[in-house]
């Protein structure tokens, strides 16, 4: 198993998940803090939300888990939500900032 390739495939899949309030994918928004591909092909994703009372606090982590689990080579996926450190706009990629007219 090529962990690096699998992680790249997972990132590509994460780029298909969008925050409903911001027209940018969750990866470019900086909501994904960590992707841990274990030797058994189980994947743990540590992510946050733009706010603790985000309207998709229930559905977004489930969507991420479902999509990561569909990536070829992934055995199982688990998502953990954290608010440490709290998300802020500085975590967005240049691409996201450009998309939102912040550059």
N, C-alpha and C. Protein backbone atom coordinates (compact mmCIF):
# COMPACT_ATOMS: atom_id res chain seq x y z
N UNK A 1 0.84 -1.19 0.00
CA UNK A 1 0.00 0.00 0.00
C UNK A 1 0.88 1.25 0.00
N UNK A 2 0.60 2.15 -0.89
CA UNK A 2 1.33 3.41 -0.98
C UNK A 2 0.54 4.46 -0.20
N UNK A 3 0.99 4.72 1.05
CA UNK A 3 0.27 5.65 1.93
C UNK A 3 0.19 7.05 1.33
N UNK A 4 1.28 7.48 0.70
CA UNK A 4 1.31 8.83 0.13
C UNK A 4 0.26 8.97 -0.98
N UNK A 5 0.20 7.98 -1.85
CA UNK A 5 -0.78 8.00 -2.95
C UNK A 5 -2.20 7.95 -2.38
N UNK A 6 -2.40 7.12 -1.37
CA UNK A 6 -3.72 7.01 -0.76
C UNK A 6 -4.13 8.34 -0.13
N UNK A 7 -3.18 8.99 0.54
CA UNK A 7 -3.48 10.30 1.14
C UNK A 7 -3.84 11.32 0.05
N UNK A 8 -3.11 11.30 -1.06
CA UNK A 8 -3.42 12.22 -2.17
C UNK A 8 -4.83 11.95 -2.72
N UNK A 9 -5.20 10.67 -2.84
CA UNK A 9 -6.54 10.32 -3.31
C UNK A 9 -7.61 10.80 -2.32
N UNK A 10 -7.31 10.68 -1.03
CA UNK A 10 -8.25 11.14 0.00
C UNK A 10 -8.41 12.65 -0.10
N UNK A 11 -7.31 13.37 -0.29
CA UNK A 11 -7.39 14.84 -0.41
C UNK A 11 -8.24 15.22 -1.62
N UNK A 12 -8.04 14.52 -2.73
CA UNK A 12 -8.86 14.81 -3.92
C UNK A 12 -10.34 14.61 -3.62
N UNK A 13 -10.67 13.56 -2.86
CA UNK A 13 -12.06 13.31 -2.48
C UNK A 13 -12.57 14.41 -1.55
N UNK A 14 -11.74 14.84 -0.62
CA UNK A 14 -12.15 15.88 0.32
C UNK A 14 -12.44 17.19 -0.41
N UNK A 15 -11.78 17.40 -1.54
CA UNK A 15 -12.01 18.61 -2.32
C UNK A 15 -13.37 18.59 -3.03
N UNK A 16 -14.13 17.49 -2.88
CA UNK A 16 -15.49 17.44 -3.44
C UNK A 16 -16.54 17.75 -2.37
N UNK A 17 -16.09 18.02 -1.14
CA UNK A 17 -17.00 18.32 -0.03
C UNK A 17 -16.94 19.83 0.23
N UNK A 18 -18.11 20.47 0.19
CA UNK A 18 -18.17 21.92 0.34
C UNK A 18 -18.90 22.33 1.60
N UNK A 19 -18.43 23.40 2.22
CA UNK A 19 -19.16 24.03 3.30
C UNK A 19 -20.34 24.73 2.65
N UNK A 20 -21.56 24.50 3.14
CA UNK A 20 -22.73 25.07 2.47
C UNK A 20 -22.80 26.60 2.52
N UNK A 21 -22.09 27.20 3.46
CA UNK A 21 -22.17 28.66 3.59
C UNK A 21 -21.08 29.39 2.81
N UNK A 22 -20.05 28.65 2.41
CA UNK A 22 -18.91 29.26 1.72
C UNK A 22 -18.64 28.43 0.47
N UNK A 23 -18.57 29.03 -0.71
CA UNK A 23 -18.42 28.25 -1.95
C UNK A 23 -17.01 27.73 -2.20
N UNK A 24 -16.41 27.14 -1.18
CA UNK A 24 -15.05 26.61 -1.27
C UNK A 24 -15.05 25.25 -0.57
N UNK A 25 -14.25 24.31 -1.10
CA UNK A 25 -14.23 22.98 -0.48
C UNK A 25 -13.56 23.00 0.90
N UNK A 26 -13.88 22.00 1.69
CA UNK A 26 -13.42 21.99 3.08
C UNK A 26 -11.91 21.85 3.21
N UNK A 27 -11.26 21.25 2.21
CA UNK A 27 -9.80 21.11 2.28
C UNK A 27 -9.13 22.48 2.09
N UNK A 28 -9.57 23.21 1.06
CA UNK A 28 -8.98 24.53 0.80
C UNK A 28 -9.35 25.53 1.91
N UNK A 29 -10.49 25.30 2.57
CA UNK A 29 -10.89 26.17 3.69
C UNK A 29 -9.99 25.97 4.91
N UNK A 30 -9.28 24.86 4.93
CA UNK A 30 -8.41 24.59 6.08
C UNK A 30 -9.14 23.88 7.21
N UNK A 31 -10.27 23.24 6.91
CA UNK A 31 -11.03 22.55 7.94
C UNK A 31 -10.45 21.17 8.27
N UNK A 32 -9.59 20.66 7.39
CA UNK A 32 -8.96 19.35 7.63
C UNK A 32 -7.62 19.59 8.33
N UNK A 33 -7.51 19.16 9.57
CA UNK A 33 -6.28 19.36 10.33
C UNK A 33 -5.28 18.23 10.12
N UNK A 34 -5.79 17.01 9.97
CA UNK A 34 -4.87 15.88 9.88
C UNK A 34 -5.55 14.71 9.17
N UNK A 35 -4.78 14.01 8.35
CA UNK A 35 -5.22 12.77 7.73
C UNK A 35 -4.19 11.72 8.12
N UNK A 36 -4.65 10.71 8.84
CA UNK A 36 -3.75 9.67 9.31
C UNK A 36 -4.12 8.36 8.63
N UNK A 37 -3.25 7.91 7.70
CA UNK A 37 -3.46 6.63 7.02
C UNK A 37 -2.63 5.59 7.78
N UNK A 38 -3.32 4.66 8.41
CA UNK A 38 -2.62 3.64 9.19
C UNK A 38 -2.21 2.47 8.30
N UNK A 39 -1.34 1.62 8.83
CA UNK A 39 -0.83 0.48 8.07
C UNK A 39 -1.93 -0.48 7.62
N UNK A 40 -3.03 -0.54 8.37
CA UNK A 40 -4.13 -1.44 8.03
C UNK A 40 -5.13 -0.78 7.06
N UNK A 41 -4.76 0.39 6.51
CA UNK A 41 -5.57 1.15 5.55
C UNK A 41 -6.81 1.76 6.20
N UNK A 42 -6.84 1.81 7.52
CA UNK A 42 -7.88 2.57 8.21
C UNK A 42 -7.41 4.02 8.23
N UNK A 43 -8.35 4.93 8.03
CA UNK A 43 -8.00 6.34 7.93
C UNK A 43 -8.72 7.13 9.01
N UNK A 44 -7.96 7.97 9.69
CA UNK A 44 -8.53 8.86 10.69
C UNK A 44 -8.37 10.29 10.18
N UNK A 45 -9.47 11.03 10.19
CA UNK A 45 -9.45 12.42 9.75
C UNK A 45 -9.79 13.29 10.95
N UNK A 46 -8.91 14.23 11.24
CA UNK A 46 -9.16 15.21 12.30
C UNK A 46 -9.54 16.50 11.60
N UNK A 47 -10.74 17.00 11.90
CA UNK A 47 -11.21 18.19 11.21
C UNK A 47 -11.95 19.10 12.18
N UNK A 48 -12.24 20.29 11.71
CA UNK A 48 -13.00 21.25 12.49
C UNK A 48 -14.14 21.76 11.63
N UNK A 49 -14.92 22.64 12.20
CA UNK A 49 -16.00 23.33 11.49
C UNK A 49 -15.73 24.82 11.61
N UNK A 50 -16.34 25.60 10.72
CA UNK A 50 -16.09 27.05 10.77
C UNK A 50 -16.55 27.65 12.08
N UNK A 51 -17.63 27.10 12.65
CA UNK A 51 -18.11 27.53 13.98
C UNK A 51 -18.68 26.31 14.70
N UNK A 52 -18.65 26.31 16.04
CA UNK A 52 -19.22 25.17 16.77
C UNK A 52 -20.71 24.95 16.48
N UNK A 53 -21.44 26.02 16.18
CA UNK A 53 -22.87 25.87 15.90
C UNK A 53 -23.15 25.89 14.40
N UNK A 54 -22.19 25.39 13.63
CA UNK A 54 -22.32 25.27 12.18
C UNK A 54 -23.60 24.49 11.85
N UNK A 55 -24.39 24.95 10.87
CA UNK A 55 -25.64 24.27 10.55
C UNK A 55 -25.46 22.84 10.05
N UNK A 56 -24.26 22.48 9.61
CA UNK A 56 -24.01 21.12 9.13
C UNK A 56 -23.12 20.33 10.10
N UNK A 57 -23.13 20.72 11.37
CA UNK A 57 -22.29 20.06 12.37
C UNK A 57 -22.56 18.56 12.44
N UNK A 58 -23.79 18.15 12.17
CA UNK A 58 -24.13 16.73 12.20
C UNK A 58 -23.80 16.05 10.87
N UNK A 59 -24.19 16.68 9.76
CA UNK A 59 -24.10 16.02 8.46
C UNK A 59 -22.72 16.09 7.81
N UNK A 60 -21.98 17.18 8.00
CA UNK A 60 -20.69 17.34 7.33
C UNK A 60 -19.67 16.27 7.74
N UNK A 61 -19.46 16.02 9.04
CA UNK A 61 -18.51 14.95 9.40
C UNK A 61 -18.92 13.59 8.83
N UNK A 62 -20.22 13.30 8.79
CA UNK A 62 -20.70 12.04 8.23
C UNK A 62 -20.41 11.98 6.73
N UNK A 63 -20.62 13.11 6.03
CA UNK A 63 -20.32 13.16 4.59
C UNK A 63 -18.83 12.92 4.35
N UNK A 64 -17.98 13.52 5.16
CA UNK A 64 -16.52 13.34 5.03
C UNK A 64 -16.18 11.87 5.26
N UNK A 65 -16.74 11.28 6.32
CA UNK A 65 -16.46 9.88 6.63
C UNK A 65 -16.90 8.98 5.48
N UNK A 66 -18.10 9.21 4.96
CA UNK A 66 -18.63 8.38 3.87
C UNK A 66 -17.77 8.50 2.61
N UNK A 67 -17.37 9.73 2.27
CA UNK A 67 -16.59 9.93 1.05
C UNK A 67 -15.18 9.35 1.18
N UNK A 68 -14.55 9.54 2.33
CA UNK A 68 -13.20 8.98 2.54
C UNK A 68 -13.26 7.46 2.47
N UNK A 69 -14.30 6.87 3.04
CA UNK A 69 -14.45 5.41 3.03
C UNK A 69 -14.60 4.86 1.61
N UNK A 70 -15.08 5.69 0.68
CA UNK A 70 -15.27 5.26 -0.71
C UNK A 70 -13.98 5.29 -1.53
N UNK A 71 -12.94 5.95 -1.02
CA UNK A 71 -11.69 6.04 -1.76
C UNK A 71 -11.10 4.64 -1.88
N UNK A 72 -10.71 4.29 -3.10
CA UNK A 72 -10.15 2.96 -3.35
C UNK A 72 -8.90 2.75 -2.50
N UNK A 73 -8.88 1.64 -1.78
CA UNK A 73 -7.74 1.32 -0.92
C UNK A 73 -7.99 1.61 0.54
N UNK A 74 -9.02 2.41 0.85
CA UNK A 74 -9.33 2.73 2.24
C UNK A 74 -10.16 1.59 2.81
N UNK A 75 -9.72 1.07 3.95
CA UNK A 75 -10.42 -0.01 4.62
C UNK A 75 -11.60 0.54 5.41
N UNK A 76 -11.35 1.56 6.22
CA UNK A 76 -12.36 2.14 7.08
C UNK A 76 -11.99 3.60 7.32
N UNK A 77 -12.98 4.45 7.57
CA UNK A 77 -12.71 5.87 7.82
C UNK A 77 -13.42 6.30 9.09
N UNK A 78 -12.74 7.15 9.84
CA UNK A 78 -13.33 7.72 11.06
C UNK A 78 -12.98 9.20 11.10
N UNK A 79 -13.96 10.02 11.45
CA UNK A 79 -13.76 11.47 11.54
C UNK A 79 -13.90 11.90 12.99
N UNK A 80 -12.96 12.71 13.43
CA UNK A 80 -13.03 13.31 14.76
C UNK A 80 -13.10 14.82 14.57
N UNK A 81 -14.05 15.44 15.27
CA UNK A 81 -14.20 16.90 15.21
C UNK A 81 -13.48 17.51 16.40
N UNK A 82 -12.76 18.58 16.15
CA UNK A 82 -12.09 19.31 17.22
C UNK A 82 -12.30 20.80 16.99
N UNK A 83 -12.23 21.56 18.05
CA UNK A 83 -12.28 23.02 17.92
C UNK A 83 -11.00 23.63 18.48
N UNK A 84 -9.96 22.80 18.59
CA UNK A 84 -8.64 23.25 19.05
C UNK A 84 -7.61 22.94 17.98
N UNK A 85 -6.97 23.87 17.38
CA UNK A 85 -7.25 25.30 17.55
C UNK A 85 -8.52 25.69 16.80
N UNK A 86 -9.17 26.76 17.23
CA UNK A 86 -10.37 27.21 16.53
C UNK A 86 -10.02 27.64 15.10
N UNK A 87 -10.90 27.35 14.17
CA UNK A 87 -10.68 27.72 12.78
C UNK A 87 -10.75 29.24 12.63
N UNK A 88 -9.89 29.77 11.79
CA UNK A 88 -10.05 31.17 11.38
C UNK A 88 -9.62 31.31 9.92
N UNK A 89 -9.87 32.46 9.35
CA UNK A 89 -9.66 32.66 7.92
C UNK A 89 -8.20 32.49 7.49
N UNK A 90 -7.27 32.62 8.42
CA UNK A 90 -5.85 32.45 8.07
C UNK A 90 -5.53 31.01 7.69
N UNK A 91 -6.40 30.08 8.03
CA UNK A 91 -6.16 28.66 7.72
C UNK A 91 -6.52 28.31 6.28
N UNK A 92 -7.17 29.24 5.59
CA UNK A 92 -7.57 28.97 4.21
C UNK A 92 -6.36 29.02 3.28
N UNK A 93 -6.42 28.24 2.22
CA UNK A 93 -5.36 28.26 1.22
C UNK A 93 -5.44 29.57 0.42
N UNK A 94 -4.36 29.87 -0.29
CA UNK A 94 -4.35 31.05 -1.17
C UNK A 94 -5.51 30.95 -2.17
N UNK A 95 -5.72 29.72 -2.69
CA UNK A 95 -6.77 29.49 -3.66
C UNK A 95 -8.15 29.86 -3.09
N UNK A 96 -8.40 29.46 -1.85
CA UNK A 96 -9.68 29.76 -1.20
C UNK A 96 -9.84 31.27 -0.99
N UNK A 97 -8.77 31.90 -0.55
CA UNK A 97 -8.83 33.36 -0.32
C UNK A 97 -9.08 34.10 -1.62
N UNK A 98 -8.45 33.63 -2.70
CA UNK A 98 -8.65 34.23 -4.01
C UNK A 98 -10.11 34.07 -4.46
N UNK A 99 -10.62 32.85 -4.28
CA UNK A 99 -12.01 32.53 -4.64
C UNK A 99 -13.00 33.44 -3.92
N UNK A 100 -12.68 33.77 -2.66
CA UNK A 100 -13.59 34.57 -1.86
C UNK A 100 -13.27 36.07 -1.95
N UNK A 101 -12.35 36.43 -2.83
CA UNK A 101 -12.03 37.85 -3.02
C UNK A 101 -11.28 38.47 -1.86
N UNK A 102 -10.51 37.65 -1.13
CA UNK A 102 -9.79 38.16 0.03
C UNK A 102 -8.34 38.51 -0.28
N UNK A 103 -7.93 38.28 -1.53
CA UNK A 103 -6.55 38.61 -1.94
C UNK A 103 -6.56 39.70 -2.98
